[in-house]
Amino acid sequence: MHSVTLLTTKSQIITTDMHPPTSHQLQMPTAPTPRLRPKRATAPLDAAARARLAALPRSDDSSGSEHEAAALSSLINDYLLETDATVPSATLAVEGSSDLDDEPNGDTSSTAAADMLAEIKDNLDPTGSSADELRRRLVFAVADAMRGLDDLRPNQSAFRRAVMSRLRERGHDAGLCKVRWDKSSGVTAGSYEYIDIVAGGDETRYIVDVGFATEFEVARSTEEYEAVRTALPEVLIARPEHLRQVVKLAASAARRSLKSSGLSVPPWRKRRFMMTKWLGPYKRTVNSIPAPAGTALGSSGVVAVCRTIVGFAPQTTVGTSSGFWG
């Protein structure tokens, strides 16, 4: 502490004590810290991503979401089964997997090819061990619905929608299923369409694809693979569990054919990509004409799935196309 003597104008002597300023007194005033507003979980997402989230079905929505959950679960299981069993964690398996590129070529003998053909037919042929009367009737119904629509074949989307509409007119619970997926680990982005029919008291679902065999064409195919591909029907009518086995067999055969010809497997011929076409999450519509762009979705934010089961109308016996089994 220091004493300072001040001389005023009236010759008065005033002694004051001066204390050195403390560090608290030297601090500069600061602006109040604004309150941080917590961000919403969707804030980092762009508008397109938030729109996709808004379109996801709720757990209490129509049973179409159940099909999506079951299909996604199956695809995840297929993905894990394709990875190396020695990989210590699922994360490493996803990052290190290259679909079937690490799968051994396996037996390519004529005996193995014959066994594969037999298994494919057993899964798809309605007259074989996997036969059911309901599917046999659908073979006739789909063949009849396709009659007279050859002019629409160049436009596959319009052709599928026309076949679906005819099936509905004749009493079947048919719908047009649209699958669209983004690029992810090991799977290239893509989209696909096919028809499905829900039939029977247990609401059995059948997948109908009017251009199935063409989806398995590959370059420089071997004789063994050509036998497999030509055994695939041009018009497929199958339950999802049977279709799954056929796609696994055909995709594996395609890979072996490409490898034996010195070619790499293109992304659109890998098994997971092929599986996603028919077994991935889908939206189902029953409109006879495409909805115009910008059409609003239902109150639930998703395309409604019709679950009303309509009885079969009396079927007229018709001849089957060479592209069908039955």
C-alpha atoms as a PDB file:
ATOM      1  CA  MET A   1       0.000   0.000   0.000  1.00  0.00           C
ATOM      2  CA  HIS A   2       1.303   3.484  -0.921  1.00  0.00           C
ATOM      3  CA  SER A   3       0.414   6.877   0.558  1.00  0.00           C
ATOM      4  CA  VAL A   4       0.045   9.821  -1.803  1.00  0.00           C
ATOM      5  CA  THR A   5      -0.173  13.420  -0.685  1.00  0.00           C
ATOM      6  CA  LEU A   6      -2.355  15.670  -2.816  1.00  0.00           C
ATOM      7  CA  LEU A   7      -2.162  19.459  -2.764  1.00  0.00           C
ATOM      8  CA  THR A   8      -5.504  21.114  -3.369  1.00  0.00           C
ATOM      9  CA  THR A   9      -6.133  24.661  -4.533  1.00  0.00           C
ATOM     10  CA  LYS A  10      -6.764  25.753  -0.932  1.00  0.00           C
ATOM     11  CA  SER A  11      -3.372  24.447   0.199  1.00  0.00           C
ATOM     12  CA  GLN A  12      -5.004  21.627   1.982  1.00  0.00           C
ATOM     13  CA  ILE A  13      -3.020  18.511   2.196  1.00  0.00           C
ATOM     14  CA  ILE A  14      -4.995  15.341   1.682  1.00  0.00           C
ATOM     15  CA  THR A  15      -3.424  12.025   2.158  1.00  0.00           C
ATOM     16  CA  THR A  16      -5.022   9.048   0.435  1.00  0.00           C
ATOM     17  CA  ASP A  17      -4.182   5.433   0.338  1.00  0.00           C
ATOM     18  CA  MET A  18      -3.872   3.777  -3.093  1.00  0.00           C
ATOM     19  CA  HIS A  19      -4.286   0.063  -3.354  1.00  0.00           C
ATOM     20  CA  PRO A  20      -3.048  -1.767  -6.424  1.00  0.00           C
ATOM     21  CA  PRO A  21      -5.956  -3.014  -8.523  1.00  0.00           C
ATOM     22  CA  THR A  22      -6.772  -6.670  -8.113  1.00  0.00           C
ATOM     23  CA  SER A  23      -6.922  -9.118 -10.991  1.00  0.00           C
ATOM     24  CA  HIS A  24     -10.704  -9.204 -10.579  1.00  0.00           C
ATOM     25  CA  GLN A  25     -10.866  -5.436 -11.105  1.00  0.00           C
ATOM     26  CA  LEU A  26      -8.714  -5.651 -14.239  1.00  0.00           C
ATOM     27  CA  GLN A  27     -10.976  -8.162 -16.011  1.00  0.00           C
ATOM     28  CA  MET A  28     -12.733  -6.780 -19.089  1.00  0.00           C
ATOM     29  CA  PRO A  29     -16.507  -7.108 -19.273  1.00  0.00           C
ATOM     30  CA  THR A  30     -17.624  -9.968 -21.509  1.00  0.00           C
ATOM     31  CA  ALA A  31     -20.802 -10.470 -23.468  1.00  0.00           C
ATOM     32  CA  PRO A  32     -23.275 -12.990 -22.052  1.00  0.00           C
ATOM     33  CA  THR A  33     -22.916 -16.459 -23.544  1.00  0.00           C
ATOM     34  CA  PRO A  34     -25.905 -17.241 -25.756  1.00  0.00           C
ATOM     35  CA  ARG A  35     -27.865 -20.377 -24.923  1.00  0.00           C
ATOM     36  CA  LEU A  36     -27.211 -23.190 -27.361  1.00  0.00           C
ATOM     37  CA  ARG A  37     -30.322 -24.627 -28.895  1.00  0.00           C
ATOM     38  CA  PRO A  38     -30.097 -28.412 -29.182  1.00  0.00           C
ATOM     39  CA  LYS A  39     -30.177 -29.582 -32.772  1.00  0.00           C
ATOM     40  CA  ARG A  40     -32.704 -32.078 -33.999  1.00  0.00           C
ATOM     41  CA  ALA A  41     -31.414 -35.515 -34.870  1.00  0.00           C
ATOM     42  CA  THR A  42     -32.211 -34.894 -38.531  1.00  0.00           C
ATOM     43  CA  ALA A  43     -30.449 -31.511 -38.702  1.00  0.00           C
ATOM     44  CA  PRO A  44     -27.258 -32.852 -40.371  1.00  0.00           C
ATOM     45  CA  LEU A  45     -29.363 -34.477 -43.123  1.00  0.00           C
ATOM     46  CA  ASP A  46     -30.220 -32.783 -46.376  1.00  0.00           C
ATOM     47  CA  ALA A  47     -33.798 -32.298 -47.561  1.00  0.00           C
ATOM     48  CA  ALA A  48     -33.798 -35.478 -49.641  1.00  0.00           C
ATOM     49  CA  ALA A  49     -32.634 -37.607 -46.730  1.00  0.00           C
ATOM     50  CA  ARG A  50     -35.250 -36.126 -44.392  1.00  0.00           C
ATOM     51  CA  ALA A  51     -37.920 -36.814 -47.006  1.00  0.00           C
ATOM     52  CA  ARG A  52     -36.880 -40.450 -47.193  1.00  0.00           C
ATOM     53  CA  LEU A  53     -37.057 -40.722 -43.410  1.00  0.00           C
ATOM     54  CA  ALA A  54     -40.518 -39.181 -43.408  1.00  0.00           C
ATOM     55  CA  ALA A  55     -41.676 -41.815 -45.887  1.00  0.00           C
ATOM     56  CA  LEU A  56     -40.657 -44.753 -43.728  1.00  0.00           C
ATOM     57  CA  PRO A  57     -43.655 -46.758 -42.496  1.00  0.00           C
ATOM     58  CA  ARG A  58     -44.600 -46.717 -38.836  1.00  0.00           C
ATOM     59  CA  SER A  59     -44.840 -49.932 -36.890  1.00  0.00           C
ATOM     60  CA  ASP A  60     -48.631 -49.607 -36.813  1.00  0.00           C
ATOM     61  CA  ASP A  61     -48.967 -49.110 -40.569  1.00  0.00           C
ATOM     62  CA  SER A  62     -50.235 -51.642 -43.069  1.00  0.00           C
ATOM     63  CA  SER A  63     -48.721 -55.085 -43.365  1.00  0.00           C
ATOM     64  CA  GLY A  64     -46.586 -53.964 -46.286  1.00  0.00           C
ATOM     65  CA  SER A  65     -43.967 -52.923 -43.756  1.00  0.00           C
ATOM     66  CA  GLU A  66     -43.833 -56.518 -42.484  1.00  0.00           C
ATOM     67  CA  HIS A  67     -42.769 -57.683 -45.926  1.00  0.00           C
ATOM     68  CA  GLU A  68     -40.031 -55.043 -45.919  1.00  0.00           C
ATOM     69  CA  ALA A  69     -38.710 -56.091 -42.508  1.00  0.00           C
ATOM     70  CA  ALA A  70     -38.655 -59.782 -43.395  1.00  0.00           C
ATOM     71  CA  ALA A  71     -36.944 -59.142 -46.717  1.00  0.00           C
ATOM     72  CA  LEU A  72     -34.301 -56.900 -45.171  1.00  0.00           C
ATOM     73  CA  SER A  73     -33.577 -59.462 -42.447  1.00  0.00           C
ATOM     74  CA  SER A  74     -33.077 -62.180 -45.049  1.00  0.00           C
ATOM     75  CA  LEU A  75     -30.729 -60.008 -47.096  1.00  0.00           C
ATOM     76  CA  ILE A  76     -28.622 -59.265 -44.013  1.00  0.00           C
ATOM     77  CA  ASN A  77     -28.388 -62.976 -43.252  1.00  0.00           C
ATOM     78  CA  ASP A  78     -27.335 -63.687 -46.847  1.00  0.00           C
ATOM     79  CA  TYR A  79     -24.725 -60.936 -46.604  1.00  0.00           C
ATOM     80  CA  LEU A  80     -23.164 -62.390 -43.457  1.00  0.00           C
ATOM     81  CA  LEU A  81     -23.213 -65.932 -44.814  1.00  0.00           C
ATOM     82  CA  GLU A  82     -21.225 -64.813 -47.861  1.00  0.00           C
ATOM     83  CA  THR A  83     -18.340 -63.447 -45.777  1.00  0.00           C
ATOM     84  CA  ASP A  84     -15.294 -65.333 -44.579  1.00  0.00           C
ATOM     85  CA  ALA A  85     -16.200 -67.244 -41.403  1.00  0.00           C
ATOM     86  CA  THR A  86     -12.715 -66.596 -40.002  1.00  0.00           C
ATOM     87  CA  VAL A  87     -13.244 -62.826 -39.864  1.00  0.00           C
ATOM     88  CA  PRO A  88     -13.422 -61.929 -36.149  1.00  0.00           C
ATOM     89  CA  SER A  89     -16.136 -59.295 -36.287  1.00  0.00           C
ATOM     90  CA  ALA A  90     -19.170 -58.372 -38.329  1.00  0.00           C
ATOM     91  CA  THR A  91     -17.745 -54.904 -38.983  1.00  0.00           C
ATOM     92  CA  LEU A  92     -14.618 -56.338 -40.556  1.00  0.00           C
ATOM     93  CA  ALA A  93     -16.722 -58.796 -42.490  1.00  0.00           C
ATOM     94  CA  VAL A  94     -18.738 -56.002 -44.056  1.00  0.00           C
ATOM     95  CA  GLU A  95     -15.682 -53.951 -44.918  1.00  0.00           C
ATOM     96  CA  GLY A  96     -13.646 -56.851 -46.233  1.00  0.00           C
ATOM     97  CA  SER A  97     -16.342 -58.703 -48.122  1.00  0.00           C
ATOM     98  CA  SER A  98     -16.310 -58.575 -51.903  1.00  0.00           C
ATOM     99  CA  ASP A  99     -19.551 -60.483 -52.396  1.00  0.00           C
ATOM    100  CA  LEU A 100     -18.691 -63.812 -53.945  1.00  0.00           C
ATOM    101  CA  ASP A 101     -15.284 -62.894 -55.355  1.00  0.00           C
ATOM    102  CA  ASP A 102     -13.581 -64.858 -52.581  1.00  0.00           C
ATOM    103  CA  GLU A 103     -15.861 -67.863 -52.943  1.00  0.00           C
ATOM    104  CA  PRO A 104     -14.094 -70.959 -54.248  1.00  0.00           C
ATOM    105  CA  ASN A 105     -15.051 -72.020 -57.743  1.00  0.00           C
ATOM    106  CA  GLY A 106     -16.393 -75.329 -56.469  1.00  0.00           C
ATOM    107  CA  ASP A 107     -17.309 -78.322 -58.573  1.00  0.00           C
ATOM    108  CA  THR A 108     -17.912 -77.378 -62.219  1.00  0.00           C
ATOM    109  CA  SER A 109     -18.331 -80.914 -63.517  1.00  0.00           C
ATOM    110  CA  SER A 110     -21.292 -82.007 -65.593  1.00  0.00           C
ATOM    111  CA  THR A 111     -22.617 -83.901 -62.575  1.00  0.00           C
ATOM    112  CA  ALA A 112     -22.642 -80.724 -60.468  1.00  0.00           C
ATOM    113  CA  ALA A 113     -24.367 -78.814 -63.281  1.00  0.00           C
ATOM    114  CA  ALA A 114     -27.004 -81.530 -63.550  1.00  0.00           C
ATOM    115  CA  ASP A 115     -27.600 -81.403 -59.799  1.00  0.00           C
ATOM    116  CA  MET A 116     -27.994 -77.627 -59.988  1.00  0.00           C
ATOM    117  CA  LEU A 117     -30.515 -77.907 -62.813  1.00  0.00           C
ATOM    118  CA  ALA A 118     -32.489 -80.469 -60.851  1.00  0.00           C
ATOM    119  CA  GLU A 119     -32.570 -78.222 -57.781  1.00  0.00           C
ATOM    120  CA  ILE A 120     -33.676 -75.202 -59.813  1.00  0.00           C
ATOM    121  CA  LYS A 121     -36.533 -77.120 -61.389  1.00  0.00           C
ATOM    122  CA  ASP A 122     -37.502 -78.587 -58.036  1.00  0.00           C
ATOM    123  CA  ASN A 123     -37.921 -75.057 -56.660  1.00  0.00           C
ATOM    124  CA  LEU A 124     -39.833 -73.655 -59.638  1.00  0.00           C
ATOM    125  CA  ASP A 125     -41.670 -76.451 -61.419  1.00  0.00           C
ATOM    126  CA  PRO A 126     -45.284 -76.645 -60.235  1.00  0.00           C
ATOM    127  CA  THR A 127     -45.438 -80.287 -61.312  1.00  0.00           C
ATOM    128  CA  GLY A 128     -42.431 -81.244 -59.201  1.00  0.00           C
ATOM    129  CA  SER A 129     -42.051 -81.966 -55.520  1.00  0.00           C
ATOM    130  CA  SER A 130     -42.665 -78.315 -54.606  1.00  0.00           C
ATOM    131  CA  ALA A 131     -45.996 -78.241 -56.449  1.00  0.00           C
ATOM    132  CA  ASP A 132     -49.087 -76.572 -55.058  1.00  0.00           C
ATOM    133  CA  GLU A 133     -52.469 -76.284 -56.713  1.00  0.00           C
ATOM    134  CA  LEU A 134     -52.667 -72.550 -56.095  1.00  0.00           C
ATOM    135  CA  ARG A 135     -49.514 -71.835 -58.059  1.00  0.00           C
ATOM    136  CA  ARG A 136     -50.641 -74.141 -60.856  1.00  0.00           C
ATOM    137  CA  ARG A 137     -53.769 -72.028 -61.250  1.00  0.00           C
ATOM    138  CA  LEU A 138     -51.691 -68.841 -61.273  1.00  0.00           C
ATOM    139  CA  VAL A 139     -49.603 -70.188 -64.152  1.00  0.00           C
ATOM    140  CA  PHE A 140     -52.754 -70.361 -66.283  1.00  0.00           C
ATOM    141  CA  ALA A 141     -54.034 -67.010 -65.002  1.00  0.00           C
ATOM    142  CA  VAL A 142     -50.819 -65.115 -65.814  1.00  0.00           C
ATOM    143  CA  ALA A 143     -50.525 -66.711 -69.261  1.00  0.00           C
ATOM    144  CA  ASP A 144     -54.098 -65.671 -70.002  1.00  0.00           C
ATOM    145  CA  ALA A 145     -53.508 -62.111 -68.741  1.00  0.00           C
ATOM    146  CA  MET A 146     -50.500 -61.706 -71.044  1.00  0.00           C
ATOM    147  CA  ARG A 147     -52.438 -62.572 -74.189  1.00  0.00           C
ATOM    148  CA  GLY A 148     -52.805 -59.747 -76.694  1.00  0.00           C
ATOM    149  CA  LEU A 149     -50.285 -57.461 -74.975  1.00  0.00           C
ATOM    150  CA  ASP A 150     -47.313 -58.094 -77.271  1.00  0.00           C
ATOM    151  CA  ASP A 151     -47.363 -54.486 -78.502  1.00  0.00           C
ATOM    152  CA  LEU A 152     -46.536 -53.335 -74.972  1.00  0.00           C
ATOM    153  CA  ARG A 153     -43.536 -55.620 -74.494  1.00  0.00           C
ATOM    154  CA  PRO A 154     -40.939 -53.052 -75.666  1.00  0.00           C
ATOM    155  CA  ASN A 155     -42.035 -50.928 -72.694  1.00  0.00           C
ATOM    156  CA  GLN A 156     -41.554 -53.418 -69.873  1.00  0.00           C
ATOM    157  CA  SER A 157     -42.953 -51.114 -67.189  1.00  0.00           C
ATOM    158  CA  ALA A 158     -46.199 -50.566 -69.116  1.00  0.00           C
ATOM    159  CA  PHE A 159     -46.377 -54.280 -69.951  1.00  0.00           C
ATOM    160  CA  ARG A 160     -46.071 -55.319 -66.300  1.00  0.00           C
ATOM    161  CA  ARG A 161     -48.689 -52.796 -65.224  1.00  0.00           C
ATOM    162  CA  ALA A 162     -51.102 -54.005 -67.909  1.00  0.00           C
ATOM    163  CA  VAL A 163     -50.673 -57.637 -66.833  1.00  0.00           C
ATOM    164  CA  MET A 164     -51.204 -56.660 -63.192  1.00  0.00           C
ATOM    165  CA  SER A 165     -54.371 -54.729 -64.077  1.00  0.00           C
ATOM    166  CA  ARG A 166     -55.803 -57.676 -65.996  1.00  0.00           C
ATOM    167  CA  LEU A 167     -55.114 -60.007 -63.103  1.00  0.00           C
ATOM    168  CA  ARG A 168     -56.986 -57.674 -60.763  1.00  0.00           C
ATOM    169  CA  GLU A 169     -59.909 -57.418 -63.182  1.00  0.00           C
ATOM    170  CA  ARG A 170     -60.170 -61.205 -63.032  1.00  0.00           C
ATOM    171  CA  GLY A 171     -60.356 -61.347 -59.279  1.00  0.00           C
ATOM    172  CA  HIS A 172     -56.736 -61.718 -58.154  1.00  0.00           C
ATOM    173  CA  ASP A 173     -55.077 -59.579 -55.495  1.00  0.00           C
ATOM    174  CA  ALA A 174     -52.211 -58.533 -57.774  1.00  0.00           C
ATOM    175  CA  GLY A 175     -49.933 -55.549 -57.316  1.00  0.00           C
ATOM    176  CA  LEU A 176     -46.938 -53.883 -58.934  1.00  0.00           C
ATOM    177  CA  CYS A 177     -43.934 -53.974 -56.594  1.00  0.00           C
ATOM    178  CA  LYS A 178     -41.239 -51.329 -56.976  1.00  0.00           C
ATOM    179  CA  VAL A 179     -37.817 -51.857 -55.446  1.00  0.00           C
ATOM    180  CA  ARG A 180     -35.251 -49.059 -55.231  1.00  0.00           C
ATOM    181  CA  TRP A 181     -32.021 -49.139 -53.258  1.00  0.00           C
ATOM    182  CA  ASP A 182     -29.057 -46.829 -52.740  1.00  0.00           C
ATOM    183  CA  LYS A 183     -25.422 -47.781 -53.087  1.00  0.00           C
ATOM    184  CA  SER A 184     -24.049 -49.537 -50.033  1.00  0.00           C
ATOM    185  CA  SER A 185     -21.098 -51.732 -49.157  1.00  0.00           C
ATOM    186  CA  GLY A 186     -20.780 -54.299 -51.909  1.00  0.00           C
ATOM    187  CA  VAL A 187     -24.070 -53.388 -53.642  1.00  0.00           C
ATOM    188  CA  THR A 188     -24.485 -50.952 -56.533  1.00  0.00           C
ATOM    189  CA  ALA A 189     -27.526 -48.657 -56.536  1.00  0.00           C
ATOM    190  CA  GLY A 190     -30.417 -49.834 -58.650  1.00  0.00           C
ATOM    191  CA  SER A 191     -34.153 -50.308 -59.071  1.00  0.00           C
ATOM    192  CA  TYR A 192     -36.502 -53.015 -60.286  1.00  0.00           C
ATOM    193  CA  GLU A 193     -40.191 -53.820 -60.769  1.00  0.00           C
ATOM    194  CA  TYR A 194     -42.172 -57.034 -60.691  1.00  0.00           C
ATOM    195  CA  ILE A 195     -45.719 -58.235 -60.057  1.00  0.00           C
ATOM    196  CA  ASP A 196     -46.893 -60.092 -56.998  1.00  0.00           C
ATOM    197  CA  ILE A 197     -50.113 -61.960 -56.203  1.00  0.00           C
ATOM    198  CA  VAL A 198     -51.406 -62.574 -52.693  1.00  0.00           C
ATOM    199  CA  ALA A 199     -53.711 -65.581 -52.692  1.00  0.00           C
ATOM    200  CA  GLY A 200     -55.279 -68.231 -50.519  1.00  0.00           C
ATOM    201  CA  GLY A 201     -56.642 -68.166 -47.009  1.00  0.00           C
ATOM    202  CA  ASP A 202     -53.132 -67.938 -45.569  1.00  0.00           C
ATOM    203  CA  GLU A 203     -52.315 -64.960 -47.831  1.00  0.00           C
ATOM    204  CA  THR A 204     -49.475 -66.717 -49.616  1.00  0.00           C
ATOM    205  CA  ARG A 205     -47.395 -64.332 -51.701  1.00  0.00           C
ATOM    206  CA  TYR A 206     -46.201 -65.272 -55.191  1.00  0.00           C
ATOM    207  CA  ILE A 207     -43.684 -63.259 -57.179  1.00  0.00           C
ATOM    208  CA  VAL A 208     -44.462 -62.908 -60.892  1.00  0.00           C
ATOM    209  CA  ASP A 209     -41.700 -61.689 -63.211  1.00  0.00           C
ATOM    210  CA  VAL A 210     -42.456 -61.520 -66.933  1.00  0.00           C
ATOM    211  CA  GLY A 211     -38.774 -61.137 -67.912  1.00  0.00           C
ATOM    212  CA  PHE A 212     -36.959 -63.306 -65.392  1.00  0.00           C
ATOM    213  CA  ALA A 213     -34.499 -65.260 -67.579  1.00  0.00           C
ATOM    214  CA  THR A 214     -33.082 -62.165 -69.283  1.00  0.00           C
ATOM    215  CA  GLU A 215     -31.840 -60.883 -65.909  1.00  0.00           C
ATOM    216  CA  PHE A 216     -29.217 -63.658 -65.845  1.00  0.00           C
ATOM    217  CA  GLU A 217     -27.521 -63.122 -69.203  1.00  0.00           C
ATOM    218  CA  VAL A 218     -23.721 -62.857 -69.033  1.00  0.00           C
ATOM    219  CA  ALA A 219     -20.968 -62.427 -71.592  1.00  0.00           C
ATOM    220  CA  ARG A 220     -19.082 -65.425 -72.977  1.00  0.00           C
ATOM    221  CA  SER A 221     -21.118 -67.908 -70.973  1.00  0.00           C
ATOM    222  CA  THR A 222     -19.830 -71.454 -70.598  1.00  0.00           C
ATOM    223  CA  GLU A 223     -21.758 -74.487 -71.768  1.00  0.00           C
ATOM    224  CA  GLU A 224     -22.639 -75.414 -68.195  1.00  0.00           C
ATOM    225  CA  TYR A 225     -23.986 -71.957 -67.403  1.00  0.00           C
ATOM    226  CA  GLU A 226     -25.919 -71.753 -70.651  1.00  0.00           C
ATOM    227  CA  ALA A 227     -27.725 -74.921 -69.607  1.00  0.00           C
ATOM    228  CA  VAL A 228     -28.603 -73.276 -66.289  1.00  0.00           C
ATOM    229  CA  ARG A 229     -29.764 -70.036 -67.881  1.00  0.00           C
ATOM    230  CA  THR A 230     -31.944 -71.698 -70.500  1.00  0.00           C
ATOM    231  CA  ALA A 231     -33.595 -73.691 -67.709  1.00  0.00           C
ATOM    232  CA  LEU A 232     -34.781 -70.452 -66.104  1.00  0.00           C
ATOM    233  CA  PRO A 233     -38.340 -69.525 -67.123  1.00  0.00           C
ATOM    234  CA  GLU A 234     -38.974 -66.355 -69.060  1.00  0.00           C
ATOM    235  CA  VAL A 235     -42.085 -65.868 -66.918  1.00  0.00           C
ATOM    236  CA  LEU A 236     -41.471 -66.683 -63.271  1.00  0.00           C
ATOM    237  CA  ILE A 237     -44.216 -67.545 -60.778  1.00  0.00           C
ATOM    238  CA  ALA A 238     -42.743 -68.571 -57.437  1.00  0.00           C
ATOM    239  CA  ARG A 239     -42.907 -68.114 -53.710  1.00  0.00           C
ATOM    240  CA  PRO A 240     -40.130 -65.911 -52.272  1.00  0.00           C
ATOM    241  CA  GLU A 241     -38.444 -68.821 -50.469  1.00  0.00           C
ATOM    242  CA  HIS A 242     -38.218 -70.828 -53.712  1.00  0.00           C
ATOM    243  CA  LEU A 243     -37.049 -67.803 -55.682  1.00  0.00           C
ATOM    244  CA  ARG A 244     -34.283 -67.215 -53.148  1.00  0.00           C
ATOM    245  CA  GLN A 245     -32.787 -70.645 -53.780  1.00  0.00           C
ATOM    246  CA  VAL A 246     -32.968 -70.213 -57.552  1.00  0.00           C
ATOM    247  CA  VAL A 247     -31.220 -66.826 -57.460  1.00  0.00           C
ATOM    248  CA  LYS A 248     -28.463 -68.208 -55.228  1.00  0.00           C
ATOM    249  CA  LEU A 249     -27.825 -71.110 -57.589  1.00  0.00           C
ATOM    250  CA  ALA A 250     -28.017 -69.081 -60.797  1.00  0.00           C
ATOM    251  CA  ALA A 251     -25.856 -66.217 -59.488  1.00  0.00           C
ATOM    252  CA  SER A 252     -23.189 -68.643 -58.277  1.00  0.00           C
ATOM    253  CA  ALA A 253     -23.226 -70.395 -61.648  1.00  0.00           C
ATOM    254  CA  ALA A 254     -22.918 -67.040 -63.430  1.00  0.00           C
ATOM    255  CA  ARG A 255     -19.905 -66.140 -61.322  1.00  0.00           C
ATOM    256  CA  ARG A 256     -18.153 -69.414 -62.103  1.00  0.00           C
ATOM    257  CA  SER A 257     -18.877 -68.938 -65.804  1.00  0.00           C
ATOM    258  CA  LEU A 258     -17.402 -65.433 -65.838  1.00  0.00           C
ATOM    259  CA  LYS A 259     -14.337 -66.487 -63.842  1.00  0.00           C
ATOM    260  CA  SER A 260     -13.636 -69.432 -66.115  1.00  0.00           C
ATOM    261  CA  SER A 261     -13.770 -67.046 -69.092  1.00  0.00           C
ATOM    262  CA  GLY A 262     -11.258 -64.715 -67.442  1.00  0.00           C
ATOM    263  CA  LEU A 263     -13.858 -62.028 -66.730  1.00  0.00           C
ATOM    264  CA  SER A 264     -14.646 -60.243 -63.480  1.00  0.00           C
ATOM    265  CA  VAL A 265     -18.148 -60.302 -62.036  1.00  0.00           C
ATOM    266  CA  PRO A 266     -19.913 -56.990 -62.792  1.00  0.00           C
ATOM    267  CA  PRO A 267     -21.716 -55.360 -59.854  1.00  0.00           C
ATOM    268  CA  TRP A 268     -25.139 -55.981 -61.404  1.00  0.00           C
ATOM    269  CA  ARG A 269     -24.519 -59.738 -61.557  1.00  0.00           C
ATOM    270  CA  LYS A 270     -23.348 -60.224 -57.978  1.00  0.00           C
ATOM    271  CA  ARG A 271     -25.616 -62.286 -55.797  1.00  0.00           C
ATOM    272  CA  ARG A 272     -26.600 -59.599 -53.290  1.00  0.00           C
ATOM    273  CA  PHE A 273     -27.539 -57.245 -56.119  1.00  0.00           C
ATOM    274  CA  MET A 274     -29.658 -59.963 -57.731  1.00  0.00           C
ATOM    275  CA  MET A 275     -31.284 -60.860 -54.407  1.00  0.00           C
ATOM    276  CA  THR A 276     -32.276 -57.251 -53.782  1.00  0.00           C
ATOM    277  CA  LYS A 277     -34.258 -57.096 -57.030  1.00  0.00           C
ATOM    278  CA  TRP A 278     -36.913 -59.528 -55.843  1.00  0.00           C
ATOM    279  CA  LEU A 279     -36.365 -59.837 -52.096  1.00  0.00           C
ATOM    280  CA  GLY A 280     -35.491 -56.321 -50.962  1.00  0.00           C
ATOM    281  CA  PRO A 281     -37.886 -53.805 -49.329  1.00  0.00           C
ATOM    282  CA  TYR A 282     -40.556 -52.741 -51.808  1.00  0.00           C
ATOM    283  CA  LYS A 283     -43.517 -50.442 -52.333  1.00  0.00           C
ATOM    284  CA  ARG A 284     -46.686 -51.950 -53.760  1.00  0.00           C
ATOM    285  CA  THR A 285     -49.234 -50.163 -55.931  1.00  0.00           C
ATOM    286  CA  VAL A 286     -52.438 -51.403 -57.526  1.00  0.00           C
ATOM    287  CA  ASN A 287     -53.061 -48.403 -59.796  1.00  0.00           C
ATOM    288  CA  SER A 288     -53.836 -49.344 -63.383  1.00  0.00           C
ATOM    289  CA  ILE A 289     -52.062 -46.207 -64.613  1.00  0.00           C
ATOM    290  CA  PRO A 290     -48.869 -44.620 -63.235  1.00  0.00           C
ATOM    291  CA  ALA A 291     -49.438 -41.906 -60.639  1.00  0.00           C
ATOM    292  CA  PRO A 292     -48.439 -38.448 -61.957  1.00  0.00           C
ATOM    293  CA  ALA A 293     -45.233 -36.930 -60.639  1.00  0.00           C
ATOM    294  CA  GLY A 294     -45.702 -35.121 -57.352  1.00  0.00           C
ATOM    295  CA  THR A 295     -48.721 -37.154 -56.259  1.00  0.00           C
ATOM    296  CA  ALA A 296     -49.040 -36.975 -52.488  1.00  0.00           C
ATOM    297  CA  LEU A 297     -48.683 -40.120 -50.441  1.00  0.00           C
ATOM    298  CA  GLY A 298     -51.284 -41.382 -48.015  1.00  0.00           C
ATOM    299  CA  SER A 299     -51.691 -40.057 -44.500  1.00  0.00           C
ATOM    300  CA  SER A 300     -49.187 -42.610 -43.211  1.00  0.00           C
ATOM    301  CA  GLY A 301     -46.549 -41.328 -45.620  1.00  0.00           C
ATOM    302  CA  VAL A 302     -46.214 -44.593 -47.530  1.00  0.00           C
ATOM    303  CA  VAL A 303     -47.855 -46.223 -50.502  1.00  0.00           C
ATOM    304  CA  ALA A 304     -50.858 -48.145 -49.245  1.00  0.00           C
ATOM    305  CA  VAL A 305     -50.688 -51.902 -49.516  1.00  0.00           C
ATOM    306  CA  CYS A 306     -53.907 -53.630 -50.432  1.00  0.00           C
ATOM    307  CA  ARG A 307     -54.434 -56.642 -48.218  1.00  0.00           C
ATOM    308  CA  THR A 308     -57.976 -57.561 -49.248  1.00  0.00           C
ATOM    309  CA  ILE A 309     -57.966 -61.138 -50.421  1.00  0.00           C
ATOM    310  CA  VAL A 310     -60.244 -61.617 -53.392  1.00  0.00           C
ATOM    311  CA  GLY A 311     -61.477 -65.074 -54.305  1.00  0.00           C
ATOM    312  CA  PHE A 312     -60.364 -66.656 -57.518  1.00  0.00           C
ATOM    313  CA  ALA A 313     -62.646 -66.140 -60.455  1.00  0.00           C
ATOM    314  CA  PRO A 314     -63.389 -69.274 -62.536  1.00  0.00           C
ATOM    315  CA  GLN A 315     -60.386 -69.835 -64.759  1.00  0.00           C
ATOM    316  CA  THR A 316     -60.596 -70.689 -68.421  1.00  0.00           C
ATOM    317  CA  THR A 317     -58.271 -73.515 -69.372  1.00  0.00           C
ATOM    318  CA  VAL A 318     -55.675 -72.213 -71.804  1.00  0.00           C
ATOM    319  CA  GLY A 319     -52.464 -73.572 -73.229  1.00  0.00           C
ATOM    320  CA  THR A 320     -49.255 -72.659 -71.455  1.00  0.00           C
ATOM    321  CA  SER A 321     -46.440 -70.740 -73.050  1.00  0.00           C
ATOM    322  CA  SER A 322     -43.071 -72.377 -73.535  1.00  0.00           C
ATOM    323  CA  GLY A 323     -41.748 -69.751 -71.139  1.00  0.00           C
ATOM    324  CA  PHE A 324     -43.794 -71.191 -68.261  1.00  0.00           C
ATOM    325  CA  TRP A 325     -43.446 -74.257 -66.126  1.00  0.00           C
ATOM    326  CA  GLY A 326     -46.700 -76.044 -65.528  1.00  0.00           C
END
